[in-house]
Amino acid sequence: MVQFQIQSDSEIPASTQLFNQICFAIASRQFSPGYRLPSTRQLAMQTGLHRNTISKVYERLETAGFVEAQMGSGIYVRALGQEPIPISKEQADVPVEELIEQSLDGFLQQGYSLGEVKSMLLAAIKERLRASSQLIVTVPQHDLGAGEIIVQELDLALSIPIKLIPLEELDASLQRRAAATIVTVRYFAKEAHDIVEARQDDDLKAFRVIPIDIYNYSDELELIKELPKEGRLGLVSLSSGTLGVAEVMISSLRGDDLYVMTAQCHDTQRLSALIRHSQTIISDRASCQTLRAAMAEAEPDLIRRPKVIYCKTYIDTQSVELLRRELGMEASPVKA
């Protein structure tokens, strides 16, 4: 079970700390679609927050499209777009041939003939392949940096043309297209799904929304836990949203005993100040070249060069593999 930590003396409200931690757990698939979240009572015992506060956080999560309430059962992580619900280990161990037989039996029991099943399956496969003809990454205009990171990583992994379209322009763009696969992170998946759903009324359209999972930053968070008290930590990214989430997460983890400074890599003045004042810098790989150049420029004025750690990735590697299969591509070769 993910352990949530709340710093009651932080300037960031406790409800915001909890909201951001749960969003991150869902976005990084620590809580996968269909997962039942802890009850308000369980979370109150873990965090020390009042159950009413937790209920309001859950309502906010539901409004944002991260979870859905099931009457008398609890709060569950919502599956968005065309993402699959995780299968159990028992299901994963069932041979493919047996799964096919079970599926066929199910269709036949519902009254479909084998010919009808064949037609439906071929139509579904054809539609998916049509959608895979164009890959679009979408994020809000205010955090295009996140989209640029996704495009860079997918371009490296998939080697296919990818378009970056702001969420605010997605509807107009889809009006001019007949088919596309739309990729985004879970933070923005509800908005993308709502836009695409409105366009699916036309039978000639073939759009699919695939929320991809972000890396869980487990190694980086462990490092942050071990930093000395009153240490100075710098965070660098192309994405303003990532920096905002990271600040809240670190505040929940360490309270006010770390001085944290953030900078988007293209903000030259702020990046220069961050390099001069930080003892440790954590950066995404998309900012690597810019940060190295800024470090080299600042070198003559540095009393002590800060330690720099580059994050492994932004997108979870398993999520990239699932996307490859969704696009009809072969799985990437396993590295020795």
C-alpha atoms as a PDB file:
ATOM      1  CA  MET A   1       0.000   0.000   0.000  1.00  0.00           C
ATOM      2  CA  VAL A   2       1.284   3.482  -0.896  1.00  0.00           C
ATOM      3  CA  GLN A   3       2.070   5.452   2.246  1.00  0.00           C
ATOM      4  CA  PHE A   4       0.889   9.060   2.159  1.00  0.00           C
ATOM      5  CA  GLN A   5       2.791  11.604   4.214  1.00  0.00           C
ATOM      6  CA  ILE A   6       1.339  14.919   5.348  1.00  0.00           C
ATOM      7  CA  GLN A   7       3.369  17.767   6.822  1.00  0.00           C
ATOM      8  CA  SER A   8       0.964  19.690   9.039  1.00  0.00           C
ATOM      9  CA  ASP A   9       3.371  22.629   9.437  1.00  0.00           C
ATOM     10  CA  SER A  10       3.877  23.085   5.685  1.00  0.00           C
ATOM     11  CA  GLU A  11       2.692  26.207   3.869  1.00  0.00           C
ATOM     12  CA  ILE A  12       0.921  23.872   1.418  1.00  0.00           C
ATOM     13  CA  PRO A  13      -2.565  22.879   2.719  1.00  0.00           C
ATOM     14  CA  ALA A  14      -2.842  19.275   3.892  1.00  0.00           C
ATOM     15  CA  SER A  15      -5.696  18.595   1.447  1.00  0.00           C
ATOM     16  CA  THR A  16      -3.513  19.785  -1.477  1.00  0.00           C
ATOM     17  CA  GLN A  17      -0.659  17.562  -0.305  1.00  0.00           C
ATOM     18  CA  LEU A  18      -2.950  14.515  -0.201  1.00  0.00           C
ATOM     19  CA  PHE A  19      -4.625  15.344  -3.524  1.00  0.00           C
ATOM     20  CA  ASN A  20      -1.282  15.653  -5.312  1.00  0.00           C
ATOM     21  CA  GLN A  21       0.087  12.443  -3.804  1.00  0.00           C
ATOM     22  CA  ILE A  22      -2.969  10.420  -4.848  1.00  0.00           C
ATOM     23  CA  CYS A  23      -2.916  11.954  -8.358  1.00  0.00           C
ATOM     24  CA  PHE A  24       0.756  11.029  -8.666  1.00  0.00           C
ATOM     25  CA  ALA A  25       0.108   7.467  -7.439  1.00  0.00           C
ATOM     26  CA  ILE A  26      -2.585   7.102 -10.124  1.00  0.00           C
ATOM     27  CA  ALA A  27      -0.598   8.835 -12.884  1.00  0.00           C
ATOM     28  CA  SER A  28       2.424   6.579 -12.223  1.00  0.00           C
ATOM     29  CA  ARG A  29       0.186   3.478 -12.036  1.00  0.00           C
ATOM     30  CA  GLN A  30       1.014   2.704  -8.422  1.00  0.00           C
ATOM     31  CA  PHE A  31      -2.791   2.730  -8.259  1.00  0.00           C
ATOM     32  CA  SER A  32      -3.928   1.102 -11.510  1.00  0.00           C
ATOM     33  CA  PRO A  33      -7.394   1.352 -13.148  1.00  0.00           C
ATOM     34  CA  GLY A  34      -9.954  -0.536 -11.075  1.00  0.00           C
ATOM     35  CA  TYR A  35      -7.903  -0.233  -7.869  1.00  0.00           C
ATOM     36  CA  ARG A  36     -10.013   0.439  -4.764  1.00  0.00           C
ATOM     37  CA  LEU A  37      -8.688   3.418  -2.823  1.00  0.00           C
ATOM     38  CA  PRO A  38      -8.447   3.272   0.981  1.00  0.00           C
ATOM     39  CA  SER A  39     -11.624   4.212   2.831  1.00  0.00           C
ATOM     40  CA  THR A  40     -11.799   7.646   4.462  1.00  0.00           C
ATOM     41  CA  ARG A  41     -11.392   5.901   7.832  1.00  0.00           C
ATOM     42  CA  GLN A  42      -8.240   4.049   6.718  1.00  0.00           C
ATOM     43  CA  LEU A  43      -6.731   7.192   5.230  1.00  0.00           C
ATOM     44  CA  ALA A  44      -7.617   9.241   8.323  1.00  0.00           C
ATOM     45  CA  MET A  45      -5.729   6.731  10.477  1.00  0.00           C
ATOM     46  CA  GLN A  46      -2.711   6.824   8.135  1.00  0.00           C
ATOM     47  CA  THR A  47      -2.492  10.597   7.629  1.00  0.00           C
ATOM     48  CA  GLY A  48      -4.073  12.062  10.763  1.00  0.00           C
ATOM     49  CA  LEU A  49      -6.457  14.123   8.623  1.00  0.00           C
ATOM     50  CA  HIS A  50     -10.167  14.483   9.420  1.00  0.00           C
ATOM     51  CA  ARG A  51     -12.449  12.169   7.422  1.00  0.00           C
ATOM     52  CA  ASN A  52     -14.380  15.189   6.083  1.00  0.00           C
ATOM     53  CA  THR A  53     -11.140  16.576   4.621  1.00  0.00           C
ATOM     54  CA  ILE A  54     -10.422  13.240   2.938  1.00  0.00           C
ATOM     55  CA  SER A  55     -13.986  13.059   1.583  1.00  0.00           C
ATOM     56  CA  LYS A  56     -13.514  16.475  -0.035  1.00  0.00           C
ATOM     57  CA  VAL A  57     -10.219  15.300  -1.580  1.00  0.00           C
ATOM     58  CA  TYR A  58     -12.008  12.250  -3.019  1.00  0.00           C
ATOM     59  CA  GLU A  59     -14.765  14.492  -4.424  1.00  0.00           C
ATOM     60  CA  ARG A  60     -12.097  16.652  -6.057  1.00  0.00           C
ATOM     61  CA  LEU A  61     -10.435  13.547  -7.531  1.00  0.00           C
ATOM     62  CA  GLU A  62     -13.784  12.407  -8.939  1.00  0.00           C
ATOM     63  CA  THR A  63     -14.447  15.817 -10.500  1.00  0.00           C
ATOM     64  CA  ALA A  64     -10.978  15.717 -12.092  1.00  0.00           C
ATOM     65  CA  GLY A  65     -11.738  12.287 -13.585  1.00  0.00           C
ATOM     66  CA  PHE A  66      -9.148  10.296 -11.641  1.00  0.00           C
ATOM     67  CA  VAL A  67     -11.613   8.139  -9.700  1.00  0.00           C
ATOM     68  CA  GLU A  68     -15.243   7.065  -9.662  1.00  0.00           C
ATOM     69  CA  ALA A  69     -17.497   6.252  -6.715  1.00  0.00           C
ATOM     70  CA  GLN A  70     -19.417   2.993  -6.691  1.00  0.00           C
ATOM     71  CA  MET A  71     -22.434   3.071  -4.400  1.00  0.00           C
ATOM     72  CA  GLY A  72     -21.921   0.932  -1.321  1.00  0.00           C
ATOM     73  CA  SER A  73     -18.551  -0.330  -2.551  1.00  0.00           C
ATOM     74  CA  GLY A  74     -15.997   2.476  -2.422  1.00  0.00           C
ATOM     75  CA  ILE A  75     -13.819   4.760  -4.534  1.00  0.00           C
ATOM     76  CA  TYR A  76     -12.039   3.215  -7.524  1.00  0.00           C
ATOM     77  CA  VAL A  77      -9.412   4.450  -9.984  1.00  0.00           C
ATOM     78  CA  ARG A  78     -11.220   5.215 -13.206  1.00  0.00           C
ATOM     79  CA  ALA A  79     -10.228   3.633 -16.511  1.00  0.00           C
ATOM     80  CA  LEU A  80     -10.048   6.328 -19.189  1.00  0.00           C
ATOM     81  CA  GLY A  81     -10.038   6.234 -22.951  1.00  0.00           C
ATOM     82  CA  GLN A  82      -9.242   2.807 -24.333  1.00  0.00           C
ATOM     83  CA  GLU A  83      -6.850   1.680 -21.607  1.00  0.00           C
ATOM     84  CA  PRO A  84      -7.279  -1.922 -20.448  1.00  0.00           C
ATOM     85  CA  ILE A  85      -8.155  -2.939 -16.894  1.00  0.00           C
ATOM     86  CA  PRO A  86      -5.198  -4.903 -15.445  1.00  0.00           C
ATOM     87  CA  ILE A  87      -5.695  -8.656 -15.478  1.00  0.00           C
ATOM     88  CA  SER A  88      -5.048 -10.890 -12.477  1.00  0.00           C
ATOM     89  CA  LYS A  89      -2.076 -13.261 -12.278  1.00  0.00           C
ATOM     90  CA  GLU A  90      -4.473 -16.184 -12.728  1.00  0.00           C
ATOM     91  CA  GLN A  91      -5.793 -14.645 -15.965  1.00  0.00           C
ATOM     92  CA  ALA A  92      -2.259 -13.933 -17.186  1.00  0.00           C
ATOM     93  CA  ASP A  93      -1.358 -17.610 -16.788  1.00  0.00           C
ATOM     94  CA  VAL A  94      -4.220 -18.783 -19.039  1.00  0.00           C
ATOM     95  CA  PRO A  95      -2.888 -19.922 -22.464  1.00  0.00           C
ATOM     96  CA  VAL A  96      -3.846 -17.691 -25.412  1.00  0.00           C
ATOM     97  CA  GLU A  97      -5.668 -20.552 -27.128  1.00  0.00           C
ATOM     98  CA  GLU A  98      -7.846 -21.056 -24.060  1.00  0.00           C
ATOM     99  CA  LEU A  99      -8.626 -17.324 -23.856  1.00  0.00           C
ATOM    100  CA  ILE A 100      -9.734 -17.366 -27.494  1.00  0.00           C
ATOM    101  CA  GLU A 101     -11.963 -20.401 -26.882  1.00  0.00           C
ATOM    102  CA  GLN A 102     -13.502 -18.756 -23.804  1.00  0.00           C
ATOM    103  CA  SER A 103     -14.185 -15.561 -25.755  1.00  0.00           C
ATOM    104  CA  LEU A 104     -15.766 -17.452 -28.642  1.00  0.00           C
ATOM    105  CA  ASP A 105     -17.949 -19.450 -26.253  1.00  0.00           C
ATOM    106  CA  GLY A 106     -19.086 -16.193 -24.656  1.00  0.00           C
ATOM    107  CA  PHE A 107     -20.091 -14.701 -28.014  1.00  0.00           C
ATOM    108  CA  LEU A 108     -21.911 -17.861 -29.045  1.00  0.00           C
ATOM    109  CA  GLN A 109     -23.814 -17.951 -25.758  1.00  0.00           C
ATOM    110  CA  GLN A 110     -24.955 -14.380 -26.440  1.00  0.00           C
ATOM    111  CA  GLY A 111     -26.487 -15.518 -29.717  1.00  0.00           C
ATOM    112  CA  TYR A 112     -23.819 -14.496 -32.239  1.00  0.00           C
ATOM    113  CA  SER A 113     -22.738 -16.832 -35.047  1.00  0.00           C
ATOM    114  CA  LEU A 114     -19.069 -17.527 -35.786  1.00  0.00           C
ATOM    115  CA  GLY A 115     -19.411 -15.516 -38.994  1.00  0.00           C
ATOM    116  CA  GLU A 116     -20.727 -12.499 -37.068  1.00  0.00           C
ATOM    117  CA  VAL A 117     -17.941 -12.807 -34.484  1.00  0.00           C
ATOM    118  CA  LYS A 118     -15.337 -12.903 -37.263  1.00  0.00           C
ATOM    119  CA  SER A 119     -16.813  -9.777 -38.882  1.00  0.00           C
ATOM    120  CA  MET A 120     -16.892  -7.879 -35.577  1.00  0.00           C
ATOM    121  CA  LEU A 121     -13.311  -8.811 -34.677  1.00  0.00           C
ATOM    122  CA  LEU A 122     -11.958  -7.859 -38.099  1.00  0.00           C
ATOM    123  CA  ALA A 123     -13.833  -4.528 -37.937  1.00  0.00           C
ATOM    124  CA  ALA A 124     -12.427  -3.794 -34.449  1.00  0.00           C
ATOM    125  CA  ILE A 125      -8.871  -4.624 -35.550  1.00  0.00           C
ATOM    126  CA  LYS A 126      -9.271  -2.527 -38.700  1.00  0.00           C
ATOM    127  CA  GLU A 127     -10.458   0.456 -36.662  1.00  0.00           C
ATOM    128  CA  ARG A 128      -7.514   0.196 -34.278  1.00  0.00           C
ATOM    129  CA  LEU A 129      -5.070   0.038 -37.176  1.00  0.00           C
ATOM    130  CA  ARG A 130      -6.749   3.069 -38.763  1.00  0.00           C
ATOM    131  CA  ALA A 131      -6.365   4.995 -35.521  1.00  0.00           C
ATOM    132  CA  SER A 132      -2.675   4.048 -35.351  1.00  0.00           C
ATOM    133  CA  SER A 133      -1.978   5.807 -38.666  1.00  0.00           C
ATOM    134  CA  GLN A 134      -1.461   9.125 -36.853  1.00  0.00           C
ATOM    135  CA  LEU A 135      -0.012   9.574 -33.348  1.00  0.00           C
ATOM    136  CA  ILE A 136      -0.893  12.783 -31.513  1.00  0.00           C
ATOM    137  CA  VAL A 137       0.441  13.913 -28.140  1.00  0.00           C
ATOM    138  CA  THR A 138      -1.771  16.433 -26.370  1.00  0.00           C
ATOM    139  CA  VAL A 139      -1.292  18.506 -23.194  1.00  0.00           C
ATOM    140  CA  PRO A 140      -2.619  21.922 -22.126  1.00  0.00           C
ATOM    141  CA  GLN A 141      -1.019  25.023 -23.595  1.00  0.00           C
ATOM    142  CA  HIS A 142       0.272  26.080 -20.164  1.00  0.00           C
ATOM    143  CA  ASP A 143       2.396  22.909 -19.900  1.00  0.00           C
ATOM    144  CA  LEU A 144       3.564  22.270 -23.447  1.00  0.00           C
ATOM    145  CA  GLY A 145       6.910  21.366 -21.904  1.00  0.00           C
ATOM    146  CA  ALA A 146       5.378  18.077 -20.701  1.00  0.00           C
ATOM    147  CA  GLY A 147       4.252  17.386 -24.264  1.00  0.00           C
ATOM    148  CA  GLU A 148       7.735  18.100 -25.608  1.00  0.00           C
ATOM    149  CA  ILE A 149       9.215  15.577 -23.153  1.00  0.00           C
ATOM    150  CA  ILE A 150       6.665  12.927 -24.184  1.00  0.00           C
ATOM    151  CA  VAL A 151       7.319  13.556 -27.888  1.00  0.00           C
ATOM    152  CA  GLN A 152      11.092  13.292 -27.398  1.00  0.00           C
ATOM    153  CA  GLU A 153      10.845   9.998 -25.514  1.00  0.00           C
ATOM    154  CA  LEU A 154       8.251   8.446 -27.843  1.00  0.00           C
ATOM    155  CA  ASP A 155      10.186   9.562 -30.913  1.00  0.00           C
ATOM    156  CA  LEU A 156      13.240   7.757 -29.550  1.00  0.00           C
ATOM    157  CA  ALA A 157      11.252   4.624 -28.648  1.00  0.00           C
ATOM    158  CA  LEU A 158       8.920   4.382 -31.646  1.00  0.00           C
ATOM    159  CA  SER A 159      10.704   6.172 -34.529  1.00  0.00           C
ATOM    160  CA  ILE A 160       7.424   7.289 -36.132  1.00  0.00           C
ATOM    161  CA  PRO A 161       6.027  10.771 -36.908  1.00  0.00           C
ATOM    162  CA  ILE A 162       4.379  12.362 -33.848  1.00  0.00           C
ATOM    163  CA  LYS A 163       2.422  15.607 -33.657  1.00  0.00           C
ATOM    164  CA  LEU A 164       2.196  17.748 -30.510  1.00  0.00           C
ATOM    165  CA  ILE A 165      -1.158  19.538 -30.324  1.00  0.00           C
ATOM    166  CA  PRO A 166      -2.279  21.706 -27.378  1.00  0.00           C
ATOM    167  CA  LEU A 167      -5.403  20.366 -25.677  1.00  0.00           C
ATOM    168  CA  GLU A 168      -7.161  23.644 -26.435  1.00  0.00           C
ATOM    169  CA  GLU A 169      -6.678  23.016 -30.191  1.00  0.00           C
ATOM    170  CA  LEU A 170      -7.403  19.267 -30.180  1.00  0.00           C
ATOM    171  CA  ASP A 171     -11.077  19.492 -31.117  1.00  0.00           C
ATOM    172  CA  ALA A 172     -10.393  21.696 -34.152  1.00  0.00           C
ATOM    173  CA  SER A 173      -7.548  19.396 -35.210  1.00  0.00           C
ATOM    174  CA  LEU A 174      -9.726  16.262 -35.000  1.00  0.00           C
ATOM    175  CA  GLN A 175     -12.369  17.892 -37.183  1.00  0.00           C
ATOM    176  CA  ARG A 176      -9.815  17.811 -40.014  1.00  0.00           C
ATOM    177  CA  ARG A 177      -8.805  14.175 -39.411  1.00  0.00           C
ATOM    178  CA  ALA A 178     -10.494  10.818 -39.956  1.00  0.00           C
ATOM    179  CA  ALA A 179      -8.372   8.747 -37.569  1.00  0.00           C
ATOM    180  CA  ALA A 180      -5.719   9.150 -34.872  1.00  0.00           C
ATOM    181  CA  THR A 181      -4.377   7.739 -31.617  1.00  0.00           C
ATOM    182  CA  ILE A 182      -4.242  10.466 -28.977  1.00  0.00           C
ATOM    183  CA  VAL A 183      -1.669  10.062 -26.228  1.00  0.00           C
ATOM    184  CA  THR A 184      -1.537  12.052 -23.000  1.00  0.00           C
ATOM    185  CA  VAL A 185      -0.716  11.554 -19.330  1.00  0.00           C
ATOM    186  CA  ARG A 186      -3.477  10.805 -16.861  1.00  0.00           C
ATOM    187  CA  TYR A 187      -3.456  14.365 -15.495  1.00  0.00           C
ATOM    188  CA  PHE A 188      -5.060  15.512 -18.770  1.00  0.00           C
ATOM    189  CA  ALA A 189      -6.763  12.297 -19.901  1.00  0.00           C
ATOM    190  CA  LYS A 190     -10.313  13.264 -18.903  1.00  0.00           C
ATOM    191  CA  GLU A 191     -10.287  16.445 -20.993  1.00  0.00           C
ATOM    192  CA  ALA A 192      -8.818  14.590 -23.983  1.00  0.00           C
ATOM    193  CA  HIS A 193     -11.362  11.780 -23.607  1.00  0.00           C
ATOM    194  CA  ASP A 194     -14.296  14.237 -23.468  1.00  0.00           C
ATOM    195  CA  ILE A 195     -13.105  15.989 -26.637  1.00  0.00           C
ATOM    196  CA  VAL A 196     -12.638  12.723 -28.527  1.00  0.00           C
ATOM    197  CA  GLU A 197     -15.945  11.266 -27.342  1.00  0.00           C
ATOM    198  CA  ALA A 198     -17.770  14.215 -28.899  1.00  0.00           C
ATOM    199  CA  ARG A 199     -16.091  13.422 -32.235  1.00  0.00           C
ATOM    200  CA  GLN A 200     -16.808   9.674 -32.182  1.00  0.00           C
ATOM    201  CA  ASP A 201     -20.459  10.160 -33.202  1.00  0.00           C
ATOM    202  CA  ASP A 202     -19.355  10.090 -36.816  1.00  0.00           C
ATOM    203  CA  ASP A 203     -19.019   6.429 -37.866  1.00  0.00           C
ATOM    204  CA  LEU A 204     -16.302   7.405 -40.331  1.00  0.00           C
ATOM    205  CA  LYS A 205     -14.051   8.635 -37.516  1.00  0.00           C
ATOM    206  CA  ALA A 206     -11.594   6.339 -35.716  1.00  0.00           C
ATOM    207  CA  PHE A 207     -10.029   7.961 -32.661  1.00  0.00           C
ATOM    208  CA  ARG A 208      -8.499   6.308 -29.609  1.00  0.00           C
ATOM    209  CA  VAL A 209      -7.276   7.930 -26.393  1.00  0.00           C
ATOM    210  CA  ILE A 210      -4.381   6.179 -24.654  1.00  0.00           C
ATOM    211  CA  PRO A 211      -3.347   7.557 -21.236  1.00  0.00           C
ATOM    212  CA  ILE A 212       0.309   6.706 -20.671  1.00  0.00           C
ATOM    213  CA  ASP A 213       1.832   6.227 -17.228  1.00  0.00           C
ATOM    214  CA  ILE A 214       4.629   8.400 -15.921  1.00  0.00           C
ATOM    215  CA  TYR A 215       7.761   7.113 -14.189  1.00  0.00           C
ATOM    216  CA  ASN A 216       7.288   6.806 -10.404  1.00  0.00           C
ATOM    217  CA  TYR A 217      10.590   8.574  -9.498  1.00  0.00           C
ATOM    218  CA  SER A 218      11.203   6.035  -6.708  1.00  0.00           C
ATOM    219  CA  ASP A 219      15.002   6.382  -6.856  1.00  0.00           C
ATOM    220  CA  GLU A 220      14.863  10.170  -6.868  1.00  0.00           C
ATOM    221  CA  LEU A 221      12.405  10.277  -3.940  1.00  0.00           C
ATOM    222  CA  GLU A 222      14.639   7.955  -1.923  1.00  0.00           C
ATOM    223  CA  LEU A 223      17.584  10.264  -2.609  1.00  0.00           C
ATOM    224  CA  ILE A 224      15.564  13.280  -1.475  1.00  0.00           C
ATOM    225  CA  LYS A 225      14.688  11.509   1.788  1.00  0.00           C
ATOM    226  CA  GLU A 226      18.415  11.128   2.519  1.00  0.00           C
ATOM    227  CA  LEU A 227      19.458  14.732   1.785  1.00  0.00           C
ATOM    228  CA  PRO A 228      20.810  16.546   4.854  1.00  0.00           C
ATOM    229  CA  LYS A 229      18.553  18.915   6.763  1.00  0.00           C
ATOM    230  CA  GLU A 230      18.630  22.508   5.477  1.00  0.00           C
ATOM    231  CA  GLY A 231      20.142  21.251   2.223  1.00  0.00           C
ATOM    232  CA  ARG A 232      19.558  23.157  -1.009  1.00  0.00           C
ATOM    233  CA  LEU A 233      17.859  21.204  -3.792  1.00  0.00           C
ATOM    234  CA  GLY A 234      17.345  22.402  -7.365  1.00  0.00           C
ATOM    235  CA  LEU A 235      14.768  20.916  -9.742  1.00  0.00           C
ATOM    236  CA  VAL A 236      15.039  21.451 -13.509  1.00  0.00           C
ATOM    237  CA  SER A 237      12.513  20.409 -16.162  1.00  0.00           C
ATOM    238  CA  LEU A 238      10.949  21.410 -19.454  1.00  0.00           C
ATOM    239  CA  SER A 239       7.571  20.942 -17.765  1.00  0.00           C
ATOM    240  CA  SER A 240       6.164  23.558 -15.392  1.00  0.00           C
ATOM    241  CA  GLY A 241       3.503  21.082 -14.263  1.00  0.00           C
ATOM    242  CA  THR A 242       6.106  18.483 -13.309  1.00  0.00           C
ATOM    243  CA  LEU A 243       7.970  21.066 -11.249  1.00  0.00           C
ATOM    244  CA  GLY A 244       4.763  22.077  -9.456  1.00  0.00           C
ATOM    245  CA  VAL A 245       3.865  18.489  -8.564  1.00  0.00           C
ATOM    246  CA  ALA A 246       7.450  17.804  -7.452  1.00  0.00           C
ATOM    247  CA  GLU A 247       7.441  20.790  -5.084  1.00  0.00           C
ATOM    248  CA  VAL A 248       4.264  19.571  -3.360  1.00  0.00           C
ATOM    249  CA  MET A 249       5.582  15.993  -3.144  1.00  0.00           C
ATOM    250  CA  ILE A 250       8.874  17.131  -1.611  1.00  0.00           C
ATOM    251  CA  SER A 251       7.063  19.394   0.840  1.00  0.00           C
ATOM    252  CA  SER A 252       4.952  16.416   1.941  1.00  0.00           C
ATOM    253  CA  LEU A 253       8.108  14.318   2.273  1.00  0.00           C
ATOM    254  CA  ARG A 254      10.450  16.753   4.009  1.00  0.00           C
ATOM    255  CA  GLY A 255       8.376  19.704   5.182  1.00  0.00           C
ATOM    256  CA  ASP A 256      10.412  22.899   5.408  1.00  0.00           C
ATOM    257  CA  ASP A 257      13.779  21.320   6.241  1.00  0.00           C
ATOM    258  CA  LEU A 258      14.894  21.480   2.579  1.00  0.00           C
ATOM    259  CA  TYR A 259      15.282  24.623   0.515  1.00  0.00           C
ATOM    260  CA  VAL A 260      13.829  23.811  -2.911  1.00  0.00           C
ATOM    261  CA  MET A 261      14.302  25.953  -6.004  1.00  0.00           C
ATOM    262  CA  THR A 262      12.818  25.154  -9.423  1.00  0.00           C
ATOM    263  CA  ALA A 263      13.545  26.311 -12.959  1.00  0.00           C
ATOM    264  CA  GLN A 264      12.304  25.466 -16.424  1.00  0.00           C
ATOM    265  CA  CYS A 265      15.383  24.848 -18.519  1.00  0.00           C
ATOM    266  CA  HIS A 266      14.645  27.671 -20.972  1.00  0.00           C
ATOM    267  CA  ASP A 267      14.398  30.253 -18.125  1.00  0.00           C
ATOM    268  CA  THR A 268      18.054  31.320 -18.349  1.00  0.00           C
ATOM    269  CA  GLN A 269      18.085  33.737 -15.423  1.00  0.00           C
ATOM    270  CA  ARG A 270      16.311  31.407 -13.001  1.00  0.00           C
ATOM    271  CA  LEU A 271      18.398  28.417 -14.109  1.00  0.00           C
ATOM    272  CA  SER A 272      21.604  30.363 -13.486  1.00  0.00           C
ATOM    273  CA  ALA A 273      20.459  31.308  -9.978  1.00  0.00           C
ATOM    274  CA  LEU A 274      19.469  27.687  -9.273  1.00  0.00           C
ATOM    275  CA  ILE A 275      22.924  26.425 -10.288  1.00  0.00           C
ATOM    276  CA  ARG A 276      24.656  28.962  -8.020  1.00  0.00           C
ATOM    277  CA  HIS A 277      22.529  28.185  -4.954  1.00  0.00           C
ATOM    278  CA  SER A 278      21.920  24.422  -5.167  1.00  0.00           C
ATOM    279  CA  GLN A 279      23.988  21.665  -3.592  1.00  0.00           C
ATOM    280  CA  THR A 280      22.059  18.953  -5.472  1.00  0.00           C
ATOM    281  CA  ILE A 281      20.200  19.294  -8.782  1.00  0.00           C
ATOM    282  CA  ILE A 282      17.675  16.791 -10.137  1.00  0.00           C
ATOM    283  CA  SER A 283      16.821  17.256 -13.813  1.00  0.00           C
ATOM    284  CA  ASP A 284      14.823  15.506 -16.510  1.00  0.00           C
ATOM    285  CA  ARG A 285      16.844  14.194 -19.446  1.00  0.00           C
ATOM    286  CA  ALA A 286      15.090  16.568 -21.845  1.00  0.00           C
ATOM    287  CA  SER A 287      16.883  19.453 -20.078  1.00  0.00           C
ATOM    288  CA  CYS A 288      20.259  17.696 -20.037  1.00  0.00           C
ATOM    289  CA  GLN A 289      22.070  19.644 -22.777  1.00  0.00           C
ATOM    290  CA  THR A 290      20.729  23.022 -21.656  1.00  0.00           C
ATOM    291  CA  LEU A 291      21.672  22.354 -18.021  1.00  0.00           C
ATOM    292  CA  ARG A 292      25.178  21.193 -18.948  1.00  0.00           C
ATOM    293  CA  ALA A 293      25.751  24.304 -21.025  1.00  0.00           C
ATOM    294  CA  ALA A 294      24.506  26.535 -18.187  1.00  0.00           C
ATOM    295  CA  MET A 295      26.720  24.652 -15.706  1.00  0.00           C
ATOM    296  CA  ALA A 296      29.769  25.186 -17.926  1.00  0.00           C
ATOM    297  CA  GLU A 297      28.999  28.900 -18.210  1.00  0.00           C
ATOM    298  CA  ALA A 298      28.579  29.268 -14.434  1.00  0.00           C
ATOM    299  CA  GLU A 299      31.643  27.144 -13.575  1.00  0.00           C
ATOM    300  CA  PRO A 300      34.128  30.033 -13.041  1.00  0.00           C
ATOM    301  CA  ASP A 301      31.839  31.608 -10.404  1.00  0.00           C
ATOM    302  CA  LEU A 302      30.989  28.420  -8.505  1.00  0.00           C
ATOM    303  CA  ILE A 303      32.594  27.846  -5.113  1.00  0.00           C
ATOM    304  CA  ARG A 304      31.430  24.228  -5.233  1.00  0.00           C
ATOM    305  CA  ARG A 305      29.938  22.443  -8.220  1.00  0.00           C
ATOM    306  CA  PRO A 306      26.486  21.001  -7.384  1.00  0.00           C
ATOM    307  CA  LYS A 307      25.857  17.279  -7.731  1.00  0.00           C
ATOM    308  CA  VAL A 308      23.582  16.634 -10.738  1.00  0.00           C
ATOM    309  CA  ILE A 309      21.217  13.665 -11.060  1.00  0.00           C
ATOM    310  CA  TYR A 310      19.331  13.052 -14.297  1.00  0.00           C
ATOM    311  CA  CYS A 311      16.015  11.213 -14.031  1.00  0.00           C
ATOM    312  CA  LYS A 312      15.842   7.906 -15.892  1.00  0.00           C
ATOM    313  CA  THR A 313      12.769   8.759 -17.907  1.00  0.00           C
ATOM    314  CA  TYR A 314       9.442  10.588 -17.872  1.00  0.00           C
ATOM    315  CA  ILE A 315       7.238   7.845 -19.335  1.00  0.00           C
ATOM    316  CA  ASP A 316       7.090   4.446 -17.652  1.00  0.00           C
ATOM    317  CA  THR A 317       8.866   1.900 -19.878  1.00  0.00           C
ATOM    318  CA  GLN A 318       6.053  -0.657 -19.616  1.00  0.00           C
ATOM    319  CA  SER A 319       3.604   1.988 -20.799  1.00  0.00           C
ATOM    320  CA  VAL A 320       5.743   2.544 -23.910  1.00  0.00           C
ATOM    321  CA  GLU A 321       5.676  -1.203 -24.645  1.00  0.00           C
ATOM    322  CA  LEU A 322       1.881  -1.285 -24.330  1.00  0.00           C
ATOM    323  CA  LEU A 323       1.654   1.667 -26.719  1.00  0.00           C
ATOM    324  CA  ARG A 324       3.892  -0.127 -29.227  1.00  0.00           C
ATOM    325  CA  ARG A 325       1.492  -3.065 -29.273  1.00  0.00           C
ATOM    326  CA  GLU A 326      -1.522  -0.760 -29.522  1.00  0.00           C
ATOM    327  CA  LEU A 327       0.046   0.791 -32.627  1.00  0.00           C
ATOM    328  CA  GLY A 328       0.582  -2.636 -34.209  1.00  0.00           C
ATOM    329  CA  MET A 329       4.358  -2.549 -33.732  1.00  0.00           C
ATOM    330  CA  GLU A 330       6.601  -5.389 -32.627  1.00  0.00           C
ATOM    331  CA  ALA A 331       7.792  -5.350 -29.014  1.00  0.00           C
ATOM    332  CA  SER A 332      11.206  -3.709 -28.587  1.00  0.00           C
ATOM    333  CA  PRO A 333      14.126  -6.145 -28.299  1.00  0.00           C
ATOM    334  CA  VAL A 334      15.102  -7.151 -24.766  1.00  0.00           C
ATOM    335  CA  LYS A 335      18.469  -5.714 -23.807  1.00  0.00           C
ATOM    336  CA  ALA A 336      21.088  -8.202 -22.667  1.00  0.00           C
END
